[in-house]
Amino acid sequence: MKRLLIAVLFLSMFLLPAHSQALSCEEPPPPEIAYDEYDAVIIGTVEKISESMSAKTMTVRVEKSFKGVDREIITVKEDLTWGQSQLHSSLLFFLNKEGENWVHPLCSPTTADTDLADAVFADKEELALQSAENNPTGWQLAILLGAILAVSAGALQKIRR
């Protein structure tokens, strides 16, 4: 019996994991250093969140952009498990661009202290934002193109007569 107990203890040392690890980020850099490390720095409010298998897709209304973003409304992807953005929260975001997508990285120094931006980025020029209403959507462009083609076709028929 004693030998069996020693054998089980010996085997358990190899079969059980040594330790598990949770996500741990190193201390985030201060905002003035993080400004250079990220593709975009904005103050925005999360207006909508949709979830897929591995990511949250957030619609963010940009209030101020200090770097990288020139649109009033953007879409941002965030890790589903570790991301902590909440609906209707106003945040100072530090974002990266991956292809055409804005991504909120896991260990970015994003904070709810939006007043920090005015103090730290006072020397940075705030970017002008293109209003969401001024950006034509696909169907608006299709209607405009259709109208131009219809007028052109009518003018061409008049010329041929």
Protein backbone atom coordinates (compact mmCIF):
# COMPACT_ATOMS: atom_id res chain seq x y z
CA MET A 1 0.00 0.00 0.00
CA LYS A 2 2.84 2.33 0.87
CA ARG A 3 4.50 1.66 -2.51
CA LEU A 4 1.24 2.43 -4.32
CA LEU A 5 0.89 5.75 -2.51
CA ILE A 6 4.50 6.70 -3.36
CA ALA A 7 3.94 5.73 -7.02
CA VAL A 8 0.74 7.84 -7.23
CA LEU A 9 2.48 10.85 -5.66
CA PHE A 10 5.44 10.44 -8.02
CA LEU A 11 3.19 10.22 -11.11
CA SER A 12 1.06 13.16 -9.99
CA MET A 13 4.13 15.40 -10.12
CA PHE A 14 4.26 14.82 -13.89
CA LEU A 15 0.56 14.67 -14.68
CA LEU A 16 -0.63 17.81 -12.87
CA PRO A 17 0.27 21.17 -14.34
CA ALA A 18 2.96 23.11 -12.52
CA HIS A 19 0.89 26.30 -12.48
CA SER A 20 -1.66 28.10 -14.54
CA GLN A 21 -1.24 31.60 -15.84
CA ALA A 22 -3.74 34.41 -16.16
CA LEU A 23 -3.32 37.39 -18.43
CA SER A 24 -0.91 39.79 -16.85
CA CYS A 25 0.19 42.96 -18.53
CA GLU A 26 3.26 44.85 -17.56
CA GLU A 27 2.74 48.36 -16.27
CA PRO A 28 1.29 50.36 -19.18
CA PRO A 29 3.45 53.23 -20.39
CA PRO A 30 2.45 56.77 -19.45
CA PRO A 31 0.16 58.45 -22.01
CA GLU A 32 2.89 60.68 -23.46
CA ILE A 33 4.98 57.59 -24.34
CA ALA A 34 1.96 55.49 -25.37
CA TYR A 35 1.03 58.24 -27.86
CA ASP A 36 4.04 57.22 -29.99
CA GLU A 37 3.45 53.47 -29.57
CA TYR A 38 -0.17 53.34 -30.87
CA ASP A 39 -1.70 54.19 -34.25
CA ALA A 40 -4.62 56.16 -32.80
CA VAL A 41 -5.41 58.07 -29.64
CA ILE A 42 -9.04 59.16 -29.23
CA ILE A 43 -11.70 59.99 -26.70
CA GLY A 44 -14.82 58.06 -27.64
CA THR A 45 -18.07 56.63 -26.34
CA VAL A 46 -19.04 52.99 -26.95
CA GLU A 47 -22.48 53.15 -28.61
CA LYS A 48 -22.97 49.53 -29.64
CA ILE A 49 -21.34 46.16 -28.91
CA SER A 50 -21.80 42.94 -30.85
CA GLU A 51 -20.07 39.70 -29.96
CA SER A 52 -18.74 36.89 -32.12
CA MET A 53 -16.87 33.73 -31.14
CA SER A 54 -13.60 35.47 -30.23
CA ALA A 55 -14.09 39.22 -30.46
CA LYS A 56 -16.32 42.11 -29.52
CA THR A 57 -17.04 44.58 -32.29
CA MET A 58 -17.79 48.02 -30.92
CA THR A 59 -19.23 51.08 -32.59
CA VAL A 60 -17.46 54.08 -31.07
CA ARG A 61 -18.52 57.71 -31.47
CA VAL A 62 -15.31 59.74 -31.51
CA GLU A 63 -15.49 62.93 -29.48
CA LYS A 64 -11.84 63.98 -29.94
CA SER A 65 -9.03 62.52 -31.99
CA PHE A 66 -5.42 63.30 -31.16
CA LYS A 67 -3.92 60.84 -33.64
CA GLY A 68 -4.92 58.47 -36.44
CA VAL A 69 -8.73 58.76 -36.64
CA ASP A 70 -10.57 61.33 -38.76
CA ARG A 71 -14.09 59.85 -38.62
CA GLU A 72 -16.87 60.62 -36.17
CA ILE A 73 -17.96 56.95 -36.00
CA ILE A 74 -15.51 54.02 -36.08
CA THR A 75 -15.66 50.27 -35.55
CA VAL A 76 -13.22 48.79 -33.05
CA LYS A 77 -12.48 45.11 -32.38
CA GLU A 78 -11.60 43.90 -28.89
CA ASP A 79 -10.83 40.48 -27.39
CA LEU A 80 -14.05 38.87 -26.13
CA THR A 81 -12.49 37.28 -23.04
CA TRP A 82 -10.15 40.00 -21.81
CA GLY A 83 -11.62 43.18 -23.28
CA GLN A 84 -13.27 45.40 -20.67
CA SER A 85 -15.01 48.11 -22.70
CA GLN A 86 -18.64 48.56 -21.72
CA LEU A 87 -21.66 49.99 -23.50
CA HIS A 88 -22.07 53.78 -23.09
CA SER A 89 -18.64 54.16 -21.47
CA SER A 90 -16.56 57.16 -22.46
CA LEU A 91 -12.88 56.28 -22.68
CA LEU A 92 -9.49 57.57 -23.73
CA PHE A 93 -8.64 54.81 -26.24
CA PHE A 94 -5.20 53.80 -27.49
CA LEU A 95 -5.80 51.79 -30.69
CA ASN A 96 -3.81 49.96 -33.35
CA LYS A 97 -4.67 49.48 -37.00
CA GLU A 98 -4.64 45.94 -38.40
CA GLY A 99 -5.34 46.12 -42.12
CA GLU A 100 -8.47 48.24 -42.37
CA ASN A 101 -9.64 47.46 -38.82
CA TRP A 102 -9.13 49.39 -35.59
CA VAL A 103 -8.15 47.09 -32.73
CA HIS A 104 -8.15 47.77 -29.00
CA PRO A 105 -5.08 45.80 -27.83
CA LEU A 106 -5.23 43.83 -24.61
CA CYS A 107 -2.70 45.78 -22.57
CA SER A 108 -3.19 49.26 -23.97
CA PRO A 109 -3.29 52.09 -21.41
CA THR A 110 -6.93 52.92 -22.24
CA THR A 111 -8.59 54.71 -19.34
CA ALA A 112 -11.92 56.17 -18.26
CA ASP A 113 -10.03 59.29 -17.13
CA THR A 114 -10.76 61.30 -20.28
CA ASP A 115 -9.66 64.56 -18.59
CA LEU A 116 -6.14 63.17 -18.68
CA ALA A 117 -6.08 63.69 -22.46
CA ASP A 118 -6.62 67.45 -22.23
CA ALA A 119 -3.71 67.76 -19.82
CA VAL A 120 -1.29 65.39 -21.55
CA PHE A 121 -2.10 66.11 -25.20
CA ALA A 122 -2.60 69.88 -24.92
CA ASP A 123 0.37 70.42 -27.25
CA LYS A 124 -1.00 67.99 -29.89
CA GLU A 125 -3.26 69.19 -32.65
CA GLU A 126 -6.77 67.76 -32.45
CA LEU A 127 -7.82 66.17 -35.77
CA ALA A 128 -10.95 67.40 -37.56
CA LEU A 129 -13.59 64.67 -37.75
CA GLN A 130 -15.69 63.82 -40.79
CA SER A 131 -19.31 63.69 -39.75
CA ALA A 132 -21.08 60.37 -40.16
CA GLU A 133 -23.91 62.20 -41.96
CA ASN A 134 -21.48 63.65 -44.52
CA ASN A 135 -20.07 60.26 -45.46
CA PRO A 136 -22.14 58.85 -48.33
CA THR A 137 -23.13 55.24 -47.91
CA GLY A 138 -23.16 52.66 -50.68
CA TRP A 139 -26.84 53.07 -51.51
CA GLN A 140 -26.54 56.86 -51.62
CA LEU A 141 -23.67 56.58 -54.09
CA ALA A 142 -25.67 54.08 -56.18
CA ILE A 143 -28.65 56.46 -56.36
CA LEU A 144 -26.38 59.35 -57.34
CA LEU A 145 -24.68 57.27 -60.03
CA GLY A 146 -28.06 56.04 -61.29
CA ALA A 147 -29.35 59.62 -61.53
CA ILE A 148 -26.26 60.73 -63.44
CA LEU A 149 -26.62 57.80 -65.85
CA ALA A 150 -30.34 58.51 -66.37
CA VAL A 151 -29.72 62.19 -67.14
CA SER A 152 -26.85 61.29 -69.46
CA ALA A 153 -28.95 58.70 -71.30
CA GLY A 154 -31.81 61.23 -71.70
CA ALA A 155 -29.42 63.89 -73.02
CA LEU A 156 -27.87 61.41 -75.43
CA GLN A 157 -31.30 60.44 -76.82
CA LYS A 158 -32.19 64.12 -77.39
CA ILE A 159 -28.93 64.68 -79.25
CA ARG A 160 -29.56 61.68 -81.55
CA ARG A 161 -33.05 62.92 -82.55
